[in-house]
């Protein structure tokens, strides 16, 4: 009896045999955002229904290439407030460049007092020279206000920020900086993830289009959509690049 069942299974069309069923693709180790983008591109290319020429790891590499291109347009700036010092260590903030340094809640008229000018205690009449002293203090304050304040030098190799402050010295400073982006996971704004998806999808279409256009058969009843995908991919890539170029001077996020 068992032999009869086995013989019948052997006669079945291969599509009904478990060993011949198409298995879902195995994804390499990916972090959350990268995997979401890879799944999105697969779904846009029909990967849930069709067997794509690109494996998940291939799509991941294309996404990384698109990220390397788009990261140069990412000029968003962010702020951090830290205690004031002449030399501030910024290793933990992944700073690429420093745009500006501002006093925290202090001004040149508050904070750590500056050194008062020497006071001429007595004049020839034996009276305190209060008017001259107060004038000297006022002049000193005006010089502090007018002088360049919060000058800085960003030592990128050592990740140290050198700040020069006029008296009165602030308790805290707020640093406006552009962060470094090491991978897709470092993207903070949804706008950039959207542009990355568009660019990577266009690149994937170009690759698949070239694969499907490599060979053609004039006698075949059905034709692959290689030329169509290739044209779509090139157009989408050009659209994203043109958009980035047209808006590269205004891509600044104000927090």
Protein backbone atom coordinates (compact mmCIF):
# COMPACT_ATOMS: atom_id res chain seq x y z
CA UNK A 1 0.00 0.00 0.00
CA UNK A 2 2.75 2.39 0.93
CA UNK A 3 4.48 1.66 -2.35
CA UNK A 4 1.33 2.63 -4.24
CA UNK A 5 1.22 6.03 -2.48
CA UNK A 6 4.87 6.63 -3.28
CA UNK A 7 4.32 5.80 -6.93
CA UNK A 8 1.39 8.23 -7.12
CA UNK A 9 3.49 11.03 -5.55
CA UNK A 10 6.18 10.42 -8.13
CA UNK A 11 3.60 10.96 -10.86
CA UNK A 12 2.57 14.37 -9.50
CA UNK A 13 3.56 17.54 -11.30
CA UNK A 14 6.80 18.96 -9.77
CA UNK A 15 4.96 22.08 -8.59
CA UNK A 16 3.15 19.97 -5.98
CA UNK A 17 6.32 18.52 -4.49
CA UNK A 18 7.59 20.28 -1.37
CA UNK A 19 11.23 19.92 -2.38
CA UNK A 20 10.54 21.78 -5.62
CA UNK A 21 8.58 24.66 -4.10
CA UNK A 22 10.27 28.06 -4.24
CA UNK A 23 11.67 28.85 -0.82
CA UNK A 24 11.70 32.41 0.54
CA UNK A 25 15.04 34.18 0.12
CA UNK A 26 17.46 34.02 3.01
CA UNK A 27 18.45 37.47 4.19
CA UNK A 28 21.98 38.14 5.42
CA UNK A 29 22.35 39.87 8.76
CA UNK A 30 20.88 43.33 8.31
CA UNK A 31 19.95 46.07 10.70
CA UNK A 32 16.37 47.27 10.92
CA UNK A 33 16.37 50.19 8.47
CA UNK A 34 18.47 48.38 5.85
CA UNK A 35 16.19 45.35 5.91
CA UNK A 36 13.10 47.56 5.52
CA UNK A 37 14.62 49.21 2.44
CA UNK A 38 15.65 45.86 0.91
CA UNK A 39 12.14 44.45 1.46
CA UNK A 40 10.62 47.59 -0.04
CA UNK A 41 12.75 47.31 -3.20
CA UNK A 42 11.96 43.60 -3.52
CA UNK A 43 8.23 44.28 -3.30
CA UNK A 44 8.44 47.07 -5.90
CA UNK A 45 10.20 44.71 -8.31
CA UNK A 46 7.70 41.89 -7.76
CA UNK A 47 10.06 39.83 -5.66
CA UNK A 48 7.21 38.40 -3.57
CA UNK A 49 5.80 36.74 -6.71
CA UNK A 50 8.66 36.44 -9.19
CA UNK A 51 12.17 35.08 -8.88
CA UNK A 52 14.38 38.16 -9.08
CA UNK A 53 17.82 38.11 -10.61
CA UNK A 54 19.06 40.00 -7.54
CA UNK A 55 19.50 38.30 -4.18
CA UNK A 56 18.83 40.24 -0.95
CA UNK A 57 22.58 40.65 -0.40
CA UNK A 58 22.89 42.07 -3.94
CA UNK A 59 20.16 44.62 -3.23
CA UNK A 60 21.90 45.48 0.06
CA UNK A 61 25.11 46.30 -1.82
CA UNK A 62 23.20 48.53 -4.25
CA UNK A 63 21.53 50.34 -1.33
CA UNK A 64 24.95 50.96 0.20
CA UNK A 65 26.20 52.37 -3.12
CA UNK A 66 23.18 54.68 -3.29
CA UNK A 67 23.86 55.78 0.30
CA UNK A 68 27.47 56.67 -0.56
CA UNK A 69 26.15 58.93 -3.31
CA UNK A 70 23.36 60.60 -1.38
CA UNK A 71 25.30 61.20 1.84
CA UNK A 72 27.17 64.12 0.24
CA UNK A 73 23.89 66.02 -0.02
CA UNK A 74 22.94 65.49 3.62
CA UNK A 75 23.69 68.80 5.31
CA UNK A 76 21.27 68.62 8.24
CA UNK A 77 22.65 70.23 11.38
CA UNK A 78 21.97 69.33 15.00
CA UNK A 79 22.78 70.92 18.34
CA UNK A 80 24.25 69.76 21.60
CA UNK A 81 24.78 71.76 24.80
CA UNK A 82 27.84 70.95 26.88
CA UNK A 83 29.76 72.59 29.76
CA UNK A 84 32.12 75.31 28.59
CA UNK A 85 35.85 74.65 28.38
CA UNK A 86 38.67 75.91 26.21
CA UNK A 87 39.02 72.38 24.83
CA UNK A 88 35.86 70.25 24.47
CA UNK A 89 36.04 66.54 23.65
CA UNK A 90 33.31 65.62 21.11
CA UNK A 91 34.24 62.01 20.38
CA UNK A 92 30.85 60.61 21.40
CA UNK A 93 28.80 62.90 19.13
CA UNK A 94 30.09 61.74 15.70
CA UNK A 95 30.73 65.31 14.55
CA UNK A 96 31.77 65.86 10.95
CA UNK A 97 32.01 69.66 11.00
CA UNK A 98 31.10 72.45 13.42
CA UNK A 99 28.91 75.22 12.06
CA UNK A 100 28.75 77.55 15.06
CA UNK A 101 29.26 77.78 18.81
CA UNK A 102 26.86 79.84 20.92
CA UNK A 103 26.68 80.73 24.54
CA UNK A 104 24.16 78.74 26.53
CA UNK A 105 21.97 80.76 28.90
CA UNK A 106 24.78 83.17 29.70
CA UNK A 107 25.85 86.38 28.00
CA UNK A 108 28.95 88.53 28.23
CA UNK A 109 27.26 90.37 31.11
CA UNK A 110 26.65 87.22 33.19
CA UNK A 111 28.48 84.04 34.16
CA UNK A 112 32.00 84.04 35.64
CA UNK A 113 32.93 87.66 36.38
CA UNK A 114 35.80 89.19 34.47
CA UNK A 115 38.66 90.95 36.22
CA UNK A 116 37.74 94.52 37.19
CA UNK A 117 40.10 97.31 36.22
CA UNK A 118 42.36 98.58 38.98
CA UNK A 119 40.68 101.27 41.07
CA UNK A 120 42.39 104.53 41.92
CA UNK A 121 41.27 104.67 45.54
CA UNK A 122 42.23 108.25 46.29
CA UNK A 123 42.77 111.31 44.16
CA UNK A 124 44.52 114.51 45.13
CA UNK A 125 41.45 115.77 46.94
CA UNK A 126 41.25 112.70 49.16
CA UNK A 127 37.89 111.52 47.66
CA UNK A 128 37.16 108.15 46.04
CA UNK A 129 37.45 108.40 42.25
CA UNK A 130 34.14 106.52 41.70
CA UNK A 131 33.22 108.16 38.38
CA UNK A 132 36.49 107.16 36.70
CA UNK A 133 36.19 103.64 38.05
CA UNK A 134 32.62 103.16 36.76
CA UNK A 135 33.59 104.59 33.38
CA UNK A 136 36.45 102.09 33.15
CA UNK A 137 34.07 99.23 33.98
CA UNK A 138 31.64 100.38 31.30
CA UNK A 139 34.42 100.61 28.72
CA UNK A 140 35.55 97.09 29.64
CA UNK A 141 32.04 95.72 29.16
CA UNK A 142 31.62 97.47 25.83
CA UNK A 143 34.89 95.98 24.62
CA UNK A 144 33.70 92.52 25.63
CA UNK A 145 30.43 92.99 23.75
CA UNK A 146 32.05 94.33 20.59
CA UNK A 147 34.95 91.86 20.51
CA UNK A 148 34.62 88.58 18.60
CA UNK A 149 33.10 86.03 20.95
CA UNK A 150 32.92 82.24 20.74
CA UNK A 151 35.66 81.83 18.16
CA UNK A 152 36.42 78.15 17.65
CA UNK A 153 38.70 75.70 15.90
CA UNK A 154 37.52 72.16 15.09
CA UNK A 155 40.33 69.60 15.32
CA UNK A 156 38.61 66.80 13.41
CA UNK A 157 41.38 64.15 13.55
CA UNK A 158 41.41 64.32 17.36
CA UNK A 159 37.69 65.15 17.73
CA UNK A 160 38.40 68.19 19.89
CA UNK A 161 36.79 71.63 19.72
CA UNK A 162 38.82 74.61 20.89
CA UNK A 163 36.70 77.58 21.95
CA UNK A 164 37.73 81.12 22.87
CA UNK A 165 35.29 83.08 24.97
CA UNK A 166 35.35 86.68 26.06
CA UNK A 167 34.68 87.37 29.71
CA UNK A 168 32.27 86.71 31.27
CA UNK A 169 32.88 83.02 30.61
CA UNK A 170 29.69 81.02 29.98
CA UNK A 171 28.69 78.01 32.04
CA UNK A 172 27.50 76.11 28.96
CA UNK A 173 27.88 76.40 25.19
CA UNK A 174 25.57 75.16 22.44
CA UNK A 175 27.35 73.59 19.47
CA UNK A 176 25.68 73.49 16.07
CA UNK A 177 27.23 70.67 14.03
CA UNK A 178 26.86 68.45 10.99
CA UNK A 179 27.03 64.76 11.98
CA UNK A 180 28.95 62.01 10.25
CA UNK A 181 26.95 59.28 8.51
CA UNK A 182 28.64 55.90 8.54
CA UNK A 183 25.76 53.72 7.33
CA UNK A 184 22.09 53.71 6.39
CA UNK A 185 21.22 53.30 10.07
CA UNK A 186 22.62 56.76 10.82
CA UNK A 187 19.97 58.55 8.73
CA UNK A 188 17.80 60.65 11.04
CA UNK A 189 15.39 62.37 8.68
CA UNK A 190 12.63 60.55 6.78
CA UNK A 191 13.25 62.80 3.78
CA UNK A 192 16.69 61.27 3.18
CA UNK A 193 15.43 57.71 3.58
CA UNK A 194 12.79 58.44 0.93
CA UNK A 195 15.40 59.77 -1.51
CA UNK A 196 17.62 56.77 -0.76
CA UNK A 197 14.79 54.34 -1.53
CA UNK A 198 14.08 56.06 -4.85
CA UNK A 199 17.72 56.11 -5.90
CA UNK A 200 18.40 52.50 -4.87
CA UNK A 201 15.23 51.27 -6.59
CA UNK A 202 16.28 52.99 -9.81
CA UNK A 203 19.74 51.42 -9.59
CA UNK A 204 18.23 47.95 -9.06
CA UNK A 205 15.98 48.42 -12.09
CA UNK A 206 19.00 49.30 -14.21
CA UNK A 207 20.88 46.16 -13.12
CA UNK A 208 17.91 43.86 -13.72
CA UNK A 209 17.15 45.61 -16.99
CA UNK A 210 20.66 44.96 -18.25
CA UNK A 211 20.48 41.31 -17.24
CA UNK A 212 17.16 40.77 -19.00
CA UNK A 213 18.32 42.65 -22.09
CA UNK A 214 21.51 40.68 -22.55
CA UNK A 215 19.91 38.07 -24.78
CA UNK A 216 16.84 38.39 -26.99
CA UNK A 217 14.97 35.85 -29.11
CA UNK A 218 12.96 37.04 -32.07
CA UNK A 219 11.06 33.76 -32.29
CA UNK A 220 9.88 33.74 -28.67
CA UNK A 221 6.19 34.31 -27.96
CA UNK A 222 7.00 36.38 -24.87
CA UNK A 223 9.64 39.05 -24.42
CA UNK A 224 11.35 40.01 -21.17
CA UNK A 225 10.85 43.56 -19.90
CA UNK A 226 14.58 44.34 -19.78
CA UNK A 227 14.50 47.44 -22.01
CA UNK A 228 11.50 48.83 -20.13
CA UNK A 229 13.15 48.36 -16.72
CA UNK A 230 16.39 49.84 -18.00
CA UNK A 231 14.63 52.95 -19.27
CA UNK A 232 12.59 53.32 -16.06
CA UNK A 233 15.67 52.91 -13.85
CA UNK A 234 17.74 55.48 -15.72
CA UNK A 235 14.86 57.97 -15.67
CA UNK A 236 14.30 57.52 -11.91
CA UNK A 237 18.00 57.87 -11.13
CA UNK A 238 18.20 61.06 -13.20
CA UNK A 239 15.11 62.45 -11.48
CA UNK A 240 16.54 61.90 -7.98
CA UNK A 241 19.95 63.33 -8.89
CA UNK A 242 18.37 66.38 -10.52
CA UNK A 243 16.20 66.97 -7.45
CA UNK A 244 19.21 66.73 -5.13
CA UNK A 245 21.28 69.09 -7.29
CA UNK A 246 18.47 71.65 -7.53
CA UNK A 247 17.95 71.71 -3.77
CA UNK A 248 21.44 71.11 -2.37
CA UNK A 249 21.74 74.69 -1.04
CA UNK A 250 18.53 74.54 1.02
CA UNK A 251 18.85 71.13 2.66
CA UNK A 252 19.25 72.41 6.20
CA UNK A 253 17.06 71.22 9.06
CA UNK A 254 16.45 73.73 11.83
CA UNK A 255 15.88 72.11 15.23
